[in-house]
Amino acid sequence: LAAEFDEYVELHGLLTGRDVARLIGPEDIQEAAGLLERGS
């Protein structure tokens, strides 16, 4: 599963403004998830 920062209270508002560039794509998420154990 993948979720944007704004879906979390503690991360809300961290990715706003002109500095933000959407660089993380679905392939990156799948590759990173491959590093995770189940339930993490």
PDB file of all heavy atoms in Angstrom:
ATOM      1  N   LEU A   1       0.846  -1.179   0.000  1.00  0.00           N
ATOM      2  CA  LEU A   1       0.000   0.000   0.000  1.00  0.00           C
ATOM      3  C   LEU A   1       0.887   1.236   0.000  1.00  0.00           C
ATOM      4  O   LEU A   1       1.973   1.230   0.580  1.00  0.00           O
ATOM      5  CB  LEU A   1      -0.894   0.021   1.241  1.00  0.00           C
ATOM      6  CG  LEU A   1      -1.724  -1.240   1.521  1.00  0.00           C
ATOM      7  CD1 LEU A   1      -2.419  -1.120   2.867  1.00  0.00           C
ATOM      8  CD2 LEU A   1      -2.732  -1.464   0.413  1.00  0.00           C
ATOM      9  N   ALA A   2       0.422   2.294  -0.617  1.00  0.00           N
ATOM     10  CA  ALA A   2       1.154   3.557  -0.609  1.00  0.00           C
ATOM     11  C   ALA A   2       0.195   4.662  -0.206  1.00  0.00           C
ATOM     12  O   ALA A   2      -0.978   4.649  -0.594  1.00  0.00           O
ATOM     13  CB  ALA A   2       1.748   3.849  -1.977  1.00  0.00           C
ATOM     14  N   ALA A   3       0.695   5.614   0.582  1.00  0.00           N
ATOM     15  CA  ALA A   3      -0.136   6.718   1.038  1.00  0.00           C
ATOM     16  C   ALA A   3       0.661   8.013   0.986  1.00  0.00           C
ATOM     17  O   ALA A   3       1.858   8.031   1.270  1.00  0.00           O
ATOM     18  CB  ALA A   3      -0.620   6.465   2.460  1.00  0.00           C
ATOM     19  N   GLU A   4      -0.031   9.087   0.621  1.00  0.00           N
ATOM     20  CA  GLU A   4       0.578  10.412   0.605  1.00  0.00           C
ATOM     21  C   GLU A   4       0.790  10.886   2.041  1.00  0.00           C
ATOM     22  O   GLU A   4       0.084  10.472   2.958  1.00  0.00           O
ATOM     23  CB  GLU A   4      -0.338  11.394  -0.136  1.00  0.00           C
ATOM     24  CG  GLU A   4      -0.562  11.054  -1.594  1.00  0.00           C
ATOM     25  CD  GLU A   4       0.679  11.211  -2.452  1.00  0.00           C
ATOM     26  OE1 GLU A   4       1.565  12.024  -2.095  1.00  0.00           O
ATOM     27  OE2 GLU A   4       0.768  10.520  -3.477  1.00  0.00           O
ATOM     28  N   PHE A   5       1.746  11.767   2.237  1.00  0.00           N
ATOM     29  CA  PHE A   5       2.041  12.303   3.564  1.00  0.00           C
ATOM     30  C   PHE A   5       0.816  12.949   4.204  1.00  0.00           C
ATOM     31  O   PHE A   5       0.625  12.847   5.410  1.00  0.00           O
ATOM     32  CB  PHE A   5       3.174  13.326   3.484  1.00  0.00           C
ATOM     33  CG  PHE A   5       4.549  12.719   3.506  1.00  0.00           C
ATOM     34  CD1 PHE A   5       4.769  11.379   3.251  1.00  0.00           C
ATOM     35  CD2 PHE A   5       5.634  13.516   3.787  1.00  0.00           C
ATOM     36  CE1 PHE A   5       6.036  10.835   3.281  1.00  0.00           C
ATOM     37  CE2 PHE A   5       6.913  12.988   3.818  1.00  0.00           C
ATOM     38  CZ  PHE A   5       7.114  11.649   3.571  1.00  0.00           C
ATOM     39  N   ASP A   6      -0.002  13.633   3.431  1.00  0.00           N
ATOM     40  CA  ASP A   6      -1.143  14.347   3.989  1.00  0.00           C
ATOM     41  C   ASP A   6      -2.192  13.420   4.606  1.00  0.00           C
ATOM     42  O   ASP A   6      -3.098  13.887   5.298  1.00  0.00           O
ATOM     43  CB  ASP A   6      -1.783  15.257   2.947  1.00  0.00           C
ATOM     44  CG  ASP A   6      -0.981  16.524   2.736  1.00  0.00           C
ATOM     45  OD1 ASP A   6      -0.110  16.832   3.586  1.00  0.00           O
ATOM     46  OD2 ASP A   6      -1.211  17.217   1.733  1.00  0.00           O
ATOM     47  N   GLU A   7      -2.063  12.114   4.387  1.00  0.00           N
ATOM     48  CA  GLU A   7      -2.977  11.165   5.006  1.00  0.00           C
ATOM     49  C   GLU A   7      -2.590  10.860   6.458  1.00  0.00           C
ATOM     50  O   GLU A   7      -3.314  10.152   7.144  1.00  0.00           O
ATOM     51  CB  GLU A   7      -3.027   9.877   4.186  1.00  0.00           C
ATOM     52  CG  GLU A   7      -3.612  10.089   2.794  1.00  0.00           C
ATOM     53  CD  GLU A   7      -3.647   8.827   1.971  1.00  0.00           C
ATOM     54  OE1 GLU A   7      -3.970   7.749   2.538  1.00  0.00           O
ATOM     55  OE2 GLU A   7      -3.343   8.899   0.764  1.00  0.00           O
ATOM     56  N   TYR A   8      -1.440  11.403   6.900  1.00  0.00           N
ATOM     57  CA  TYR A   8      -0.951  11.186   8.259  1.00  0.00           C
ATOM     58  C   TYR A   8      -0.868  12.520   8.984  1.00  0.00           C
ATOM     59  O   TYR A   8      -0.275  13.471   8.475  1.00  0.00           O
ATOM     60  CB  TYR A   8       0.447  10.545   8.242  1.00  0.00           C
ATOM     61  CG  TYR A   8       0.443   9.148   7.691  1.00  0.00           C
ATOM     62  CD1 TYR A   8       0.504   8.931   6.319  1.00  0.00           C
ATOM     63  CD2 TYR A   8       0.370   8.056   8.537  1.00  0.00           C
ATOM     64  CE1 TYR A   8       0.495   7.639   5.810  1.00  0.00           C
ATOM     65  CE2 TYR A   8       0.355   6.766   8.030  1.00  0.00           C
ATOM     66  CZ  TYR A   8       0.416   6.565   6.664  1.00  0.00           C
ATOM     67  OH  TYR A   8       0.396   5.302   6.165  1.00  0.00           O
ATOM     68  N   VAL A   9      -1.408  12.583  10.190  1.00  0.00           N
ATOM     69  CA  VAL A   9      -1.406  13.822  10.964  1.00  0.00           C
ATOM     70  C   VAL A   9       0.015  14.325  11.160  1.00  0.00           C
ATOM     71  O   VAL A   9       0.304  15.505  10.968  1.00  0.00           O
ATOM     72  CB  VAL A   9      -2.108  13.607  12.328  1.00  0.00           C
ATOM     73  CG1 VAL A   9      -1.944  14.817  13.219  1.00  0.00           C
ATOM     74  CG2 VAL A   9      -3.568  13.272  12.126  1.00  0.00           C
ATOM     75  N   GLU A  10       0.936  13.438  11.534  1.00  0.00           N
ATOM     76  CA  GLU A  10       2.304  13.847  11.835  1.00  0.00           C
ATOM     77  C   GLU A  10       3.106  14.266  10.605  1.00  0.00           C
ATOM     78  O   GLU A  10       4.162  14.868  10.729  1.00  0.00           O
ATOM     79  CB  GLU A  10       3.051  12.768  12.621  1.00  0.00           C
ATOM     80  CG  GLU A  10       3.188  11.440  11.902  1.00  0.00           C
ATOM     81  CD  GLU A  10       2.066  10.455  12.201  1.00  0.00           C
ATOM     82  OE1 GLU A  10       0.883  10.841  12.223  1.00  0.00           O
ATOM     83  OE2 GLU A  10       2.376   9.285  12.400  1.00  0.00           O
ATOM     84  N   LEU A  11       2.623  13.957   9.406  1.00  0.00           N
ATOM     85  CA  LEU A  11       3.325  14.316   8.166  1.00  0.00           C
ATOM     86  C   LEU A  11       2.578  15.367   7.354  1.00  0.00           C
ATOM     87  O   LEU A  11       3.094  15.859   6.347  1.00  0.00           O
ATOM     88  CB  LEU A  11       3.531  13.068   7.292  1.00  0.00           C
ATOM     89  CG  LEU A  11       4.331  11.934   7.919  1.00  0.00           C
ATOM     90  CD1 LEU A  11       4.327  10.723   7.002  1.00  0.00           C
ATOM     91  CD2 LEU A  11       5.747  12.374   8.230  1.00  0.00           C
ATOM     92  N   HIS A  12       1.375  15.712   7.783  1.00  0.00           N
ATOM     93  CA  HIS A  12       0.522  16.635   7.038  1.00  0.00           C
ATOM     94  C   HIS A  12       1.230  17.978   6.815  1.00  0.00           C
ATOM     95  O   HIS A  12       1.788  18.564   7.721  1.00  0.00           O
ATOM     96  CB  HIS A  12      -0.796  16.857   7.772  1.00  0.00           C
ATOM     97  CG  HIS A  12      -1.765  17.690   7.014  1.00  0.00           C
ATOM     98  ND1 HIS A  12      -2.490  17.190   5.960  1.00  0.00           N
ATOM     99  CD2 HIS A  12      -2.106  18.992   7.129  1.00  0.00           C
ATOM    100  CE1 HIS A  12      -3.242  18.155   5.466  1.00  0.00           C
ATOM    101  NE2 HIS A  12      -3.028  19.259   6.159  1.00  0.00           N
ATOM    102  N   GLY A  13       1.218  18.435   5.592  1.00  0.00           N
ATOM    103  CA  GLY A  13       1.769  19.740   5.254  1.00  0.00           C
ATOM    104  C   GLY A  13       3.266  19.780   4.993  1.00  0.00           C
ATOM    105  O   GLY A  13       3.809  20.828   4.675  1.00  0.00           O
ATOM    106  N   LEU A  14       3.954  18.647   5.114  1.00  0.00           N
ATOM    107  CA  LEU A  14       5.402  18.648   4.886  1.00  0.00           C
ATOM    108  C   LEU A  14       5.779  18.792   3.417  1.00  0.00           C
ATOM    109  O   LEU A  14       6.846  19.292   3.097  1.00  0.00           O
ATOM    110  CB  LEU A  14       6.043  17.368   5.441  1.00  0.00           C
ATOM    111  CG  LEU A  14       6.204  17.332   6.950  1.00  0.00           C
ATOM    112  CD1 LEU A  14       6.716  15.971   7.394  1.00  0.00           C
ATOM    113  CD2 LEU A  14       7.150  18.421   7.407  1.00  0.00           C
ATOM    114  N   LEU A  15       4.909  18.345   2.542  1.00  0.00           N
ATOM    115  CA  LEU A  15       5.185  18.431   1.107  1.00  0.00           C
ATOM    116  C   LEU A  15       4.260  19.452   0.464  1.00  0.00           C
ATOM    117  O   LEU A  15       3.281  19.104  -0.177  1.00  0.00           O
ATOM    118  CB  LEU A  15       5.016  17.063   0.442  1.00  0.00           C
ATOM    119  CG  LEU A  15       6.133  16.078   0.703  1.00  0.00           C
ATOM    120  CD1 LEU A  15       5.764  14.693   0.189  1.00  0.00           C
ATOM    121  CD2 LEU A  15       7.423  16.540   0.066  1.00  0.00           C
ATOM    122  N   THR A  16       4.589  20.702   0.665  1.00  0.00           N
ATOM    123  CA  THR A  16       3.811  21.769   0.050  1.00  0.00           C
ATOM    124  C   THR A  16       4.763  22.819  -0.485  1.00  0.00           C
ATOM    125  O   THR A  16       5.909  22.917  -0.068  1.00  0.00           O
ATOM    126  CB  THR A  16       2.867  22.435   1.065  1.00  0.00           C
ATOM    127  OG1 THR A  16       3.638  22.960   2.144  1.00  0.00           O
ATOM    128  CG2 THR A  16       1.830  21.470   1.588  1.00  0.00           C
ATOM    129  N   GLY A  17       4.298  23.579  -1.431  1.00  0.00           N
ATOM    130  CA  GLY A  17       5.088  24.684  -1.955  1.00  0.00           C
ATOM    131  C   GLY A  17       5.867  24.337  -3.201  1.00  0.00           C
ATOM    132  O   GLY A  17       5.747  23.251  -3.769  1.00  0.00           O
ATOM    133  N   ARG A  18       6.690  25.261  -3.596  1.00  0.00           N
ATOM    134  CA  ARG A  18       7.409  25.133  -4.866  1.00  0.00           C
ATOM    135  C   ARG A  18       8.551  24.132  -4.820  1.00  0.00           C
ATOM    136  O   ARG A  18       9.061  23.716  -5.848  1.00  0.00           O
ATOM    137  CB  ARG A  18       7.932  26.491  -5.307  1.00  0.00           C
ATOM    138  CG  ARG A  18       8.944  27.102  -4.364  1.00  0.00           C
ATOM    139  CD  ARG A  18       9.429  28.446  -4.880  1.00  0.00           C
ATOM    140  NE  ARG A  18      10.421  29.020  -4.006  1.00  0.00           N
ATOM    141  CZ  ARG A  18      11.708  28.719  -4.050  1.00  0.00           C
ATOM    142  NH1 ARG A  18      12.163  27.871  -4.927  1.00  0.00           N
ATOM    143  NH2 ARG A  18      12.551  29.272  -3.199  1.00  0.00           N
ATOM    144  N   ASP A  19       8.987  23.720  -3.617  1.00  0.00           N
ATOM    145  CA  ASP A  19      10.097  22.776  -3.505  1.00  0.00           C
ATOM    146  C   ASP A  19       9.697  21.345  -3.846  1.00  0.00           C
ATOM    147  O   ASP A  19      10.547  20.496  -4.030  1.00  0.00           O
ATOM    148  CB  ASP A  19      10.668  22.794  -2.081  1.00  0.00           C
ATOM    149  CG  ASP A  19      11.403  24.078  -1.772  1.00  0.00           C
ATOM    150  OD1 ASP A  19      11.733  24.812  -2.729  1.00  0.00           O
ATOM    151  OD2 ASP A  19      11.642  24.352  -0.590  1.00  0.00           O
ATOM    152  N   VAL A  20       8.407  21.067  -3.906  1.00  0.00           N
ATOM    153  CA  VAL A  20       7.922  19.708  -4.104  1.00  0.00           C
ATOM    154  C   VAL A  20       7.974  19.307  -5.572  1.00  0.00           C
ATOM    155  O   VAL A  20       7.585  20.067  -6.450  1.00  0.00           O
ATOM    156  CB  VAL A  20       6.480  19.571  -3.568  1.00  0.00           C
ATOM    157  CG1 VAL A  20       5.909  18.205  -3.866  1.00  0.00           C
ATOM    158  CG2 VAL A  20       6.449  19.851  -2.080  1.00  0.00           C
ATOM    159  N   ALA A  21       8.481  18.115  -5.817  1.00  0.00           N
ATOM    160  CA  ALA A  21       8.480  17.526  -7.161  1.00  0.00           C
ATOM    161  C   ALA A  21       8.111  16.060  -6.995  1.00  0.00           C
ATOM    162  O   ALA A  21       8.729  15.346  -6.214  1.00  0.00           O
ATOM    163  CB  ALA A  21       9.856  17.654  -7.807  1.00  0.00           C
ATOM    164  N   ARG A  22       7.105  15.635  -7.662  1.00  0.00           N
ATOM    165  CA  ARG A  22       6.661  14.235  -7.549  1.00  0.00           C
ATOM    166  C   ARG A  22       7.614  13.344  -8.341  1.00  0.00           C
ATOM    167  O   ARG A  22       7.483  13.198  -9.555  1.00  0.00           O
ATOM    168  CB  ARG A  22       5.226  14.088  -8.027  1.00  0.00           C
ATOM    169  CG  ARG A  22       4.240  14.862  -7.195  1.00  0.00           C
ATOM    170  CD  ARG A  22       4.199  14.337  -5.780  1.00  0.00           C
ATOM    171  NE  ARG A  22       3.313  15.148  -4.955  1.00  0.00           N
ATOM    172  CZ  ARG A  22       3.188  14.980  -3.656  1.00  0.00           C
ATOM    173  NH1 ARG A  22       3.893  14.067  -3.046  1.00  0.00           N
ATOM    174  NH2 ARG A  22       2.383  15.738  -2.971  1.00  0.00           N
ATOM    175  N   LEU A  23       8.587  12.778  -7.651  1.00  0.00           N
ATOM    176  CA  LEU A  23       9.603  11.941  -8.294  1.00  0.00           C
ATOM    177  C   LEU A  23       9.448  10.457  -7.982  1.00  0.00           C
ATOM    178  O   LEU A  23       9.952   9.620  -8.717  1.00  0.00           O
ATOM    179  CB  LEU A  23      11.002  12.406  -7.868  1.00  0.00           C
ATOM    180  CG  LEU A  23      11.355  13.856  -8.190  1.00  0.00           C
ATOM    181  CD1 LEU A  23      12.718  14.208  -7.606  1.00  0.00           C
ATOM    182  CD2 LEU A  23      11.336  14.083  -9.686  1.00  0.00           C
ATOM    183  N   ILE A  24       8.778  10.118  -6.888  1.00  0.00           N
ATOM    184  CA  ILE A  24       8.612   8.723  -6.493  1.00  0.00           C
ATOM    185  C   ILE A  24       7.426   8.142  -7.247  1.00  0.00           C
ATOM    186  O   ILE A  24       6.295   8.611  -7.113  1.00  0.00           O
ATOM    187  CB  ILE A  24       8.385   8.599  -4.973  1.00  0.00           C
ATOM    188  CG1 ILE A  24       9.581   9.174  -4.213  1.00  0.00           C
ATOM    189  CG2 ILE A  24       8.164   7.137  -4.589  1.00  0.00           C
ATOM    190  CD1 ILE A  24       9.381   9.256  -2.709  1.00  0.00           C
ATOM    191  N   GLY A  25       7.702   7.128  -8.055  1.00  0.00           N
ATOM    192  CA  GLY A  25       6.656   6.510  -8.854  1.00  0.00           C
ATOM    193  C   GLY A  25       6.304   5.119  -8.370  1.00  0.00           C
ATOM    194  O   GLY A  25       6.910   4.604  -7.415  1.00  0.00           O
ATOM    195  N   PRO A  26       5.340   4.488  -9.018  1.00  0.00           N
ATOM    196  CA  PRO A  26       4.904   3.140  -8.620  1.00  0.00           C
ATOM    197  C   PRO A  26       6.034   2.110  -8.610  1.00  0.00           C
ATOM    198  O   PRO A  26       6.070   1.236  -7.743  1.00  0.00           O
ATOM    199  CB  PRO A  26       3.846   2.786  -9.675  1.00  0.00           C
ATOM    200  CG  PRO A  26       3.388   4.094 -10.222  1.00  0.00           C
ATOM    201  CD  PRO A  26       4.552   5.021 -10.132  1.00  0.00           C
ATOM    202  N   GLU A  27       6.965   2.223  -9.552  1.00  0.00           N
ATOM    203  CA  GLU A  27       8.087   1.266  -9.590  1.00  0.00           C
ATOM    204  C   GLU A  27       8.966   1.428  -8.360  1.00  0.00           C
ATOM    205  O   GLU A  27       9.457   0.437  -7.801  1.00  0.00           O
ATOM    206  CB  GLU A  27       8.941   1.463 -10.850  1.00  0.00           C
ATOM    207  CG  GLU A  27       8.173   1.397 -12.151  1.00  0.00           C
ATOM    208  CD  GLU A  27       7.533   2.741 -12.522  1.00  0.00           C
ATOM    209  OE1 GLU A  27       7.973   3.817 -12.046  1.00  0.00           O
ATOM    210  OE2 GLU A  27       6.555   2.707 -13.288  1.00  0.00           O
ATOM    211  N   ASP A  28       9.192   2.679  -7.946  1.00  0.00           N
ATOM    212  CA  ASP A  28      10.000   2.943  -6.756  1.00  0.00           C
ATOM    213  C   ASP A  28       9.337   2.375  -5.507  1.00  0.00           C
ATOM    214  O   ASP A  28      10.000   1.804  -4.638  1.00  0.00           O
ATOM    215  CB  ASP A  28      10.213   4.449  -6.573  1.00  0.00           C
ATOM    216  CG  ASP A  28      10.876   5.088  -7.775  1.00  0.00           C
ATOM    217  OD1 ASP A  28      11.902   4.551  -8.247  1.00  0.00           O
ATOM    218  OD2 ASP A  28      10.356   6.112  -8.254  1.00  0.00           O
ATOM    219  N   ILE A  29       8.026   2.518  -5.436  1.00  0.00           N
ATOM    220  CA  ILE A  29       7.265   2.016  -4.286  1.00  0.00           C
ATOM    221  C   ILE A  29       7.372   0.495  -4.222  1.00  0.00           C
ATOM    222  O   ILE A  29       7.627  -0.076  -3.155  1.00  0.00           O
ATOM    223  CB  ILE A  29       5.797   2.477  -4.358  1.00  0.00           C
ATOM    224  CG1 ILE A  29       5.735   3.999  -4.218  1.00  0.00           C
ATOM    225  CG2 ILE A  29       4.946   1.775  -3.301  1.00  0.00           C
ATOM    226  CD1 ILE A  29       4.402   4.612  -4.592  1.00  0.00           C
ATOM    227  N   GLN A  30       7.209  -0.168  -5.354  1.00  0.00           N
ATOM    228  CA  GLN A  30       7.309  -1.629  -5.380  1.00  0.00           C
ATOM    229  C   GLN A  30       8.714  -2.103  -5.012  1.00  0.00           C
ATOM    230  O   GLN A  30       8.883  -3.076  -4.266  1.00  0.00           O
ATOM    231  CB  GLN A  30       6.911  -2.172  -6.763  1.00  0.00           C
ATOM    232  CG  GLN A  30       5.442  -2.063  -7.064  1.00  0.00           C
ATOM    233  CD  GLN A  30       4.580  -2.853  -6.090  1.00  0.00           C
ATOM    234  OE1 GLN A  30       4.914  -3.950  -5.669  1.00  0.00           O
ATOM    235  NE2 GLN A  30       3.439  -2.278  -5.713  1.00  0.00           N
ATOM    236  N   GLU A  31       9.727  -1.408  -5.528  1.00  0.00           N
ATOM    237  CA  GLU A  31      11.105  -1.786  -5.213  1.00  0.00           C
ATOM    238  C   GLU A  31      11.394  -1.598  -3.726  1.00  0.00           C
ATOM    239  O   GLU A  31      11.988  -2.462  -3.077  1.00  0.00           O
ATOM    240  CB  GLU A  31      12.085  -0.963  -6.041  1.00  0.00           C
ATOM    241  CG  GLU A  31      13.526  -1.379  -5.830  1.00  0.00           C
ATOM    242  CD  GLU A  31      14.488  -0.633  -6.726  1.00  0.00           C
ATOM    243  OE1 GLU A  31      14.061  -0.043  -7.744  1.00  0.00           O
ATOM    244  OE2 GLU A  31      15.684  -0.640  -6.403  1.00  0.00           O
ATOM    245  N   ALA A  32      10.971  -0.474  -3.167  1.00  0.00           N
ATOM    246  CA  ALA A  32      11.181  -0.218  -1.741  1.00  0.00           C
ATOM    247  C   ALA A  32      10.412  -1.230  -0.891  1.00  0.00           C
ATOM    248  O   ALA A  32      10.931  -1.737   0.110  1.00  0.00           O
ATOM    249  CB  ALA A  32      10.759   1.200  -1.392  1.00  0.00           C
ATOM    250  N   ALA A  33       9.190  -1.554  -1.295  1.00  0.00           N
ATOM    251  CA  ALA A  33       8.387  -2.523  -0.550  1.00  0.00           C
ATOM    252  C   ALA A  33       9.044  -3.898  -0.552  1.00  0.00           C
ATOM    253  O   ALA A  33       8.876  -4.668   0.396  1.00  0.00           O
ATOM    254  CB  ALA A  33       6.980  -2.599  -1.127  1.00  0.00           C
ATOM    255  N   GLY A  34       9.817  -4.194  -1.587  1.00  0.00           N
ATOM    256  CA  GLY A  34      10.549  -5.452  -1.639  1.00  0.00           C
ATOM    257  C   GLY A  34      11.600  -5.560  -0.551  1.00  0.00           C
ATOM    258  O   GLY A  34      12.057  -6.656  -0.221  1.00  0.00           O
ATOM    259  N   LEU A  35      11.996  -4.441   0.024  1.00  0.00           N
ATOM    260  CA  LEU A  35      12.967  -4.423   1.116  1.00  0.00           C
ATOM    261  C   LEU A  35      12.307  -4.632   2.474  1.00  0.00           C
ATOM    262  O   LEU A  35      12.993  -4.850   3.471  1.00  0.00           O
ATOM    263  CB  LEU A  35      13.717  -3.085   1.139  1.00  0.00           C
ATOM    264  CG  LEU A  35      14.472  -2.697  -0.123  1.00  0.00           C
ATOM    265  CD1 LEU A  35      14.957  -1.257  -0.028  1.00  0.00           C
ATOM    266  CD2 LEU A  35      15.623  -3.655  -0.349  1.00  0.00           C
ATOM    267  N   LEU A  36      10.981  -4.529   2.512  1.00  0.00           N
ATOM    268  CA  LEU A  36      10.246  -4.591   3.774  1.00  0.00           C
ATOM    269  C   LEU A  36       9.792  -5.999   4.108  1.00  0.00           C
ATOM    270  O   LEU A  36       9.430  -6.772   3.226  1.00  0.00           O
ATOM    271  CB  LEU A  36       9.012  -3.689   3.701  1.00  0.00           C
ATOM    272  CG  LEU A  36       9.242  -2.215   3.440  1.00  0.00           C
ATOM    273  CD1 LEU A  36       7.903  -1.493   3.321  1.00  0.00           C
ATOM    274  CD2 LEU A  36      10.093  -1.605   4.536  1.00  0.00           C
ATOM    275  N   GLU A  37       9.782  -6.280   5.402  1.00  0.00           N
ATOM    276  CA  GLU A  37       9.186  -7.521   5.881  1.00  0.00           C
ATOM    277  C   GLU A  37       7.672  -7.343   5.910  1.00  0.00           C
ATOM    278  O   GLU A  37       7.175  -6.220   5.965  1.00  0.00           O
ATOM    279  CB  GLU A  37       9.695  -7.835   7.283  1.00  0.00           C
ATOM    280  CG  GLU A  37      11.189  -8.105   7.333  1.00  0.00           C
ATOM    281  CD  GLU A  37      11.674  -8.379   8.746  1.00  0.00           C
ATOM    282  OE1 GLU A  37      10.830  -8.610   9.641  1.00  0.00           O
ATOM    283  OE2 GLU A  37      12.891  -8.354   8.938  1.00  0.00           O
ATOM    284  N   ARG A  38       6.951  -8.450   5.880  1.00  0.00           N
ATOM    285  CA  ARG A  38       5.492  -8.361   6.007  1.00  0.00           C
ATOM    286  C   ARG A  38       5.144  -7.732   7.354  1.00  0.00           C
ATOM    287  O   ARG A  38       5.805  -7.973   8.347  1.00  0.00           O
ATOM    288  CB  ARG A  38       4.864  -9.749   5.900  1.00  0.00           C
ATOM    289  CG  ARG A  38       4.928 -10.303   4.500  1.00  0.00           C
ATOM    290  CD  ARG A  38       4.371 -11.713   4.449  1.00  0.00           C
ATOM    291  NE  ARG A  38       4.446 -12.212   3.094  1.00  0.00           N
ATOM    292  CZ  ARG A  38       3.410 -12.693   2.434  1.00  0.00           C
ATOM    293  NH1 ARG A  38       2.231 -12.765   3.016  1.00  0.00           N
ATOM    294  NH2 ARG A  38       3.556 -13.113   1.208  1.00  0.00           N
ATOM    295  N   GLY A  39       4.115  -6.908   7.335  1.00  0.00           N
ATOM    296  CA  GLY A  39       3.689  -6.253   8.568  1.00  0.00           C
ATOM    297  C   GLY A  39       4.577  -5.091   8.967  1.00  0.00           C
ATOM    298  O   GLY A  39       4.721  -4.798  10.143  1.00  0.00           O
ATOM    299  N   SER A  40       5.185  -4.414   7.981  1.00  0.00           N
ATOM    300  CA  SER A  40       6.038  -3.263   8.288  1.00  0.00           C
ATOM    301  C   SER A  40       5.754  -2.137   7.298  1.00  0.00           C
ATOM    302  O   SER A  40       5.027  -2.306   6.332  1.00  0.00           O
ATOM    303  CB  SER A  40       7.511  -3.663   8.252  1.00  0.00           C
ATOM    304  OG  SER A  40       7.912  -4.035   6.946  1.00  0.00           O
TER     305      SER A  40
END
